[in-house]
Amino acid sequence: MGRPPILPTDKKFDLVLRVVSGELTAAEAAREAAVSEQSVSNWRRQFIEGGRNGLAGEGGRDSESASRIAELIKENATLKATIGELYIELRKYSRSLVGRVPVPRGNTHPGRRVN
């Protein structure tokens, strides 16, 4: 079986509403749209999950993207803490060098080449 034709969102929405309301079965909706029954069942599941997430206040985000955002926020906080620690170490190192006079080594003179 080849790839089913892509239906506009409005057509999918209309079919899913008719299935959920009991007007059509998934098989009838699949025949009407010329898609598999599995496709109609997937659309119905996505429709119900989207509604559940909307009522839960997730703004339509699915749980996978919400967990990815939480993961990125945690990683961002870790990176900021690491940068802060490195900054403190750099400041400590640069302050320890302030006031030190470089010690000359050997008989070299600046600007003079030694063969």
C-alpha atoms as a PDB file:
ATOM      1  CA  MET A   1       0.000   0.000   0.000  1.00  0.00           C
ATOM      2  CA  GLY A   2       1.409   3.386  -0.990  1.00  0.00           C
ATOM      3  CA  ARG A   3       1.587   6.513   1.077  1.00  0.00           C
ATOM      4  CA  PRO A   4      -1.898   7.921   1.749  1.00  0.00           C
ATOM      5  CA  PRO A   5      -2.768  11.283   0.249  1.00  0.00           C
ATOM      6  CA  ILE A   6      -2.171  14.284   2.457  1.00  0.00           C
ATOM      7  CA  LEU A   7      -5.436  15.725   3.683  1.00  0.00           C
ATOM      8  CA  PRO A   8      -5.928  19.299   4.822  1.00  0.00           C
ATOM      9  CA  THR A   9      -6.174  19.765   8.575  1.00  0.00           C
ATOM     10  CA  ASP A  10      -9.787  20.939   8.288  1.00  0.00           C
ATOM     11  CA  LYS A  11     -10.795  17.705   6.556  1.00  0.00           C
ATOM     12  CA  LYS A  12      -9.038  15.598   9.220  1.00  0.00           C
ATOM     13  CA  PHE A  13     -10.672  17.678  11.973  1.00  0.00           C
ATOM     14  CA  ASP A  14     -14.125  17.196  10.449  1.00  0.00           C
ATOM     15  CA  LEU A  15     -13.632  13.442  10.124  1.00  0.00           C
ATOM     16  CA  VAL A  16     -12.326  13.054  13.676  1.00  0.00           C
ATOM     17  CA  LEU A  17     -15.240  15.058  15.098  1.00  0.00           C
ATOM     18  CA  ARG A  18     -17.676  12.841  13.241  1.00  0.00           C
ATOM     19  CA  VAL A  19     -15.922   9.703  14.567  1.00  0.00           C
ATOM     20  CA  VAL A  20     -15.796  11.006  18.143  1.00  0.00           C
ATOM     21  CA  SER A  21     -19.463  12.018  18.038  1.00  0.00           C
ATOM     22  CA  GLY A  22     -20.418   8.549  16.783  1.00  0.00           C
ATOM     23  CA  GLU A  23     -21.708   9.753  13.421  1.00  0.00           C
ATOM     24  CA  LEU A  24     -19.079   7.609  11.641  1.00  0.00           C
ATOM     25  CA  THR A  25     -16.939   4.641  12.552  1.00  0.00           C
ATOM     26  CA  ALA A  26     -13.189   4.806  11.981  1.00  0.00           C
ATOM     27  CA  ALA A  27     -13.567   2.385   9.066  1.00  0.00           C
ATOM     28  CA  GLU A  28     -16.247   4.541   7.404  1.00  0.00           C
ATOM     29  CA  ALA A  29     -14.167   7.678   7.880  1.00  0.00           C
ATOM     30  CA  ALA A  30     -11.131   5.904   6.414  1.00  0.00           C
ATOM     31  CA  ARG A  31     -13.097   4.863   3.306  1.00  0.00           C
ATOM     32  CA  GLU A  32     -14.484   8.382   2.886  1.00  0.00           C
ATOM     33  CA  ALA A  33     -11.018   9.959   3.086  1.00  0.00           C
ATOM     34  CA  ALA A  34      -9.297   7.152   1.135  1.00  0.00           C
ATOM     35  CA  VAL A  35      -6.817   6.515   3.965  1.00  0.00           C
ATOM     36  CA  SER A  36      -6.169   3.593   6.282  1.00  0.00           C
ATOM     37  CA  GLU A  37      -8.242   3.001   9.372  1.00  0.00           C
ATOM     38  CA  GLN A  38      -4.984   3.255  11.345  1.00  0.00           C
ATOM     39  CA  SER A  39      -4.542   6.838  10.088  1.00  0.00           C
ATOM     40  CA  VAL A  40      -7.993   7.804  11.309  1.00  0.00           C
ATOM     41  CA  SER A  41      -7.289   6.162  14.678  1.00  0.00           C
ATOM     42  CA  ASN A  42      -3.991   8.081  14.943  1.00  0.00           C
ATOM     43  CA  TRP A  43      -5.733  11.379  14.150  1.00  0.00           C
ATOM     44  CA  ARG A  44      -8.355  10.623  16.805  1.00  0.00           C
ATOM     45  CA  ARG A  45      -5.657   9.818  19.398  1.00  0.00           C
ATOM     46  CA  GLN A  46      -3.725  13.007  18.548  1.00  0.00           C
ATOM     47  CA  PHE A  47      -6.935  15.038  18.749  1.00  0.00           C
ATOM     48  CA  ILE A  48      -7.776  13.677  22.199  1.00  0.00           C
ATOM     49  CA  GLU A  49      -4.196  14.106  23.519  1.00  0.00           C
ATOM     50  CA  GLY A  50      -4.126  17.682  22.225  1.00  0.00           C
ATOM     51  CA  GLY A  51      -7.372  18.446  23.999  1.00  0.00           C
ATOM     52  CA  ARG A  52      -6.090  16.880  27.216  1.00  0.00           C
ATOM     53  CA  ASN A  53      -2.870  18.910  27.052  1.00  0.00           C
ATOM     54  CA  GLY A  54      -4.810  22.084  26.344  1.00  0.00           C
ATOM     55  CA  LEU A  55      -6.995  21.544  29.400  1.00  0.00           C
ATOM     56  CA  ALA A  56      -3.920  20.785  31.493  1.00  0.00           C
ATOM     57  CA  GLY A  57      -2.528  24.212  30.581  1.00  0.00           C
ATOM     58  CA  GLU A  58       0.375  22.996  28.450  1.00  0.00           C
ATOM     59  CA  GLY A  59      -0.677  25.253  25.594  1.00  0.00           C
ATOM     60  CA  GLY A  60      -0.818  22.434  23.080  1.00  0.00           C
ATOM     61  CA  ARG A  61       2.740  21.200  23.641  1.00  0.00           C
ATOM     62  CA  ASP A  62       3.068  17.464  23.610  1.00  0.00           C
ATOM     63  CA  SER A  63       4.816  15.812  26.511  1.00  0.00           C
ATOM     64  CA  GLU A  64       7.904  15.038  24.411  1.00  0.00           C
ATOM     65  CA  SER A  65       8.593  18.680  23.545  1.00  0.00           C
ATOM     66  CA  ALA A  66       7.795  19.741  27.121  1.00  0.00           C
ATOM     67  CA  SER A  67      10.356  17.269  28.467  1.00  0.00           C
ATOM     68  CA  ARG A  68      12.890  18.432  25.860  1.00  0.00           C
ATOM     69  CA  ILE A  69      12.379  22.043  26.971  1.00  0.00           C
ATOM     70  CA  ALA A  70      12.861  21.026  30.615  1.00  0.00           C
ATOM     71  CA  GLU A  71      16.051  19.179  29.633  1.00  0.00           C
ATOM     72  CA  LEU A  72      17.381  22.236  27.774  1.00  0.00           C
ATOM     73  CA  ILE A  73      16.602  24.518  30.723  1.00  0.00           C
ATOM     74  CA  LYS A  74      18.544  22.207  33.031  1.00  0.00           C
ATOM     75  CA  GLU A  75      21.481  22.050  30.601  1.00  0.00           C
ATOM     76  CA  ASN A  76      21.442  25.854  30.273  1.00  0.00           C
ATOM     77  CA  ALA A  77      21.626  26.254  34.056  1.00  0.00           C
ATOM     78  CA  THR A  78      24.550  23.815  34.234  1.00  0.00           C
ATOM     79  CA  LEU A  79      26.423  25.671  31.496  1.00  0.00           C
ATOM     80  CA  LYS A  80      25.834  29.027  33.192  1.00  0.00           C
ATOM     81  CA  ALA A  81      27.191  27.658  36.480  1.00  0.00           C
ATOM     82  CA  THR A  82      30.255  26.286  34.694  1.00  0.00           C
ATOM     83  CA  ILE A  83      30.901  29.620  32.988  1.00  0.00           C
ATOM     84  CA  GLY A  84      30.586  31.373  36.347  1.00  0.00           C
ATOM     85  CA  GLU A  85      33.109  29.043  37.958  1.00  0.00           C
ATOM     86  CA  LEU A  86      35.549  29.497  35.074  1.00  0.00           C
ATOM     87  CA  TYR A  87      35.150  33.274  35.286  1.00  0.00           C
ATOM     88  CA  ILE A  88      36.007  33.219  38.994  1.00  0.00           C
ATOM     89  CA  GLU A  89      39.085  31.053  38.331  1.00  0.00           C
ATOM     90  CA  LEU A  90      40.201  33.405  35.550  1.00  0.00           C
ATOM     91  CA  ARG A  91      39.820  36.449  37.798  1.00  0.00           C
ATOM     92  CA  LYS A  92      41.735  34.730  40.590  1.00  0.00           C
ATOM     93  CA  TYR A  93      44.530  33.794  38.167  1.00  0.00           C
ATOM     94  CA  SER A  94      44.766  37.257  36.610  1.00  0.00           C
ATOM     95  CA  ARG A  95      44.896  38.934  40.046  1.00  0.00           C
ATOM     96  CA  SER A  96      47.780  36.691  41.090  1.00  0.00           C
ATOM     97  CA  LEU A  97      49.789  37.969  38.096  1.00  0.00           C
ATOM     98  CA  VAL A  98      49.178  41.683  38.832  1.00  0.00           C
ATOM     99  CA  GLY A  99      52.278  43.389  40.212  1.00  0.00           C
ATOM    100  CA  ARG A 100      54.656  40.610  39.257  1.00  0.00           C
ATOM    101  CA  VAL A 101      57.694  41.688  37.342  1.00  0.00           C
ATOM    102  CA  PRO A 102      58.842  39.214  34.726  1.00  0.00           C
ATOM    103  CA  VAL A 103      62.171  37.678  35.664  1.00  0.00           C
ATOM    104  CA  PRO A 104      64.752  37.945  32.854  1.00  0.00           C
ATOM    105  CA  ARG A 105      66.319  34.647  31.892  1.00  0.00           C
ATOM    106  CA  GLY A 106      69.819  34.520  30.472  1.00  0.00           C
ATOM    107  CA  ASN A 107      71.595  37.216  28.492  1.00  0.00           C
ATOM    108  CA  THR A 108      68.900  37.931  25.965  1.00  0.00           C
ATOM    109  CA  HIS A 109      67.881  41.472  25.072  1.00  0.00           C
ATOM    110  CA  PRO A 110      64.528  42.391  23.633  1.00  0.00           C
ATOM    111  CA  GLY A 111      64.717  42.973  19.895  1.00  0.00           C
ATOM    112  CA  ARG A 112      68.141  41.399  19.568  1.00  0.00           C
ATOM    113  CA  ARG A 113      68.481  38.112  17.744  1.00  0.00           C
ATOM    114  CA  VAL A 114      70.520  35.353  19.229  1.00  0.00           C
ATOM    115  CA  ASN A 115      72.043  32.836  16.797  1.00  0.00           C
END
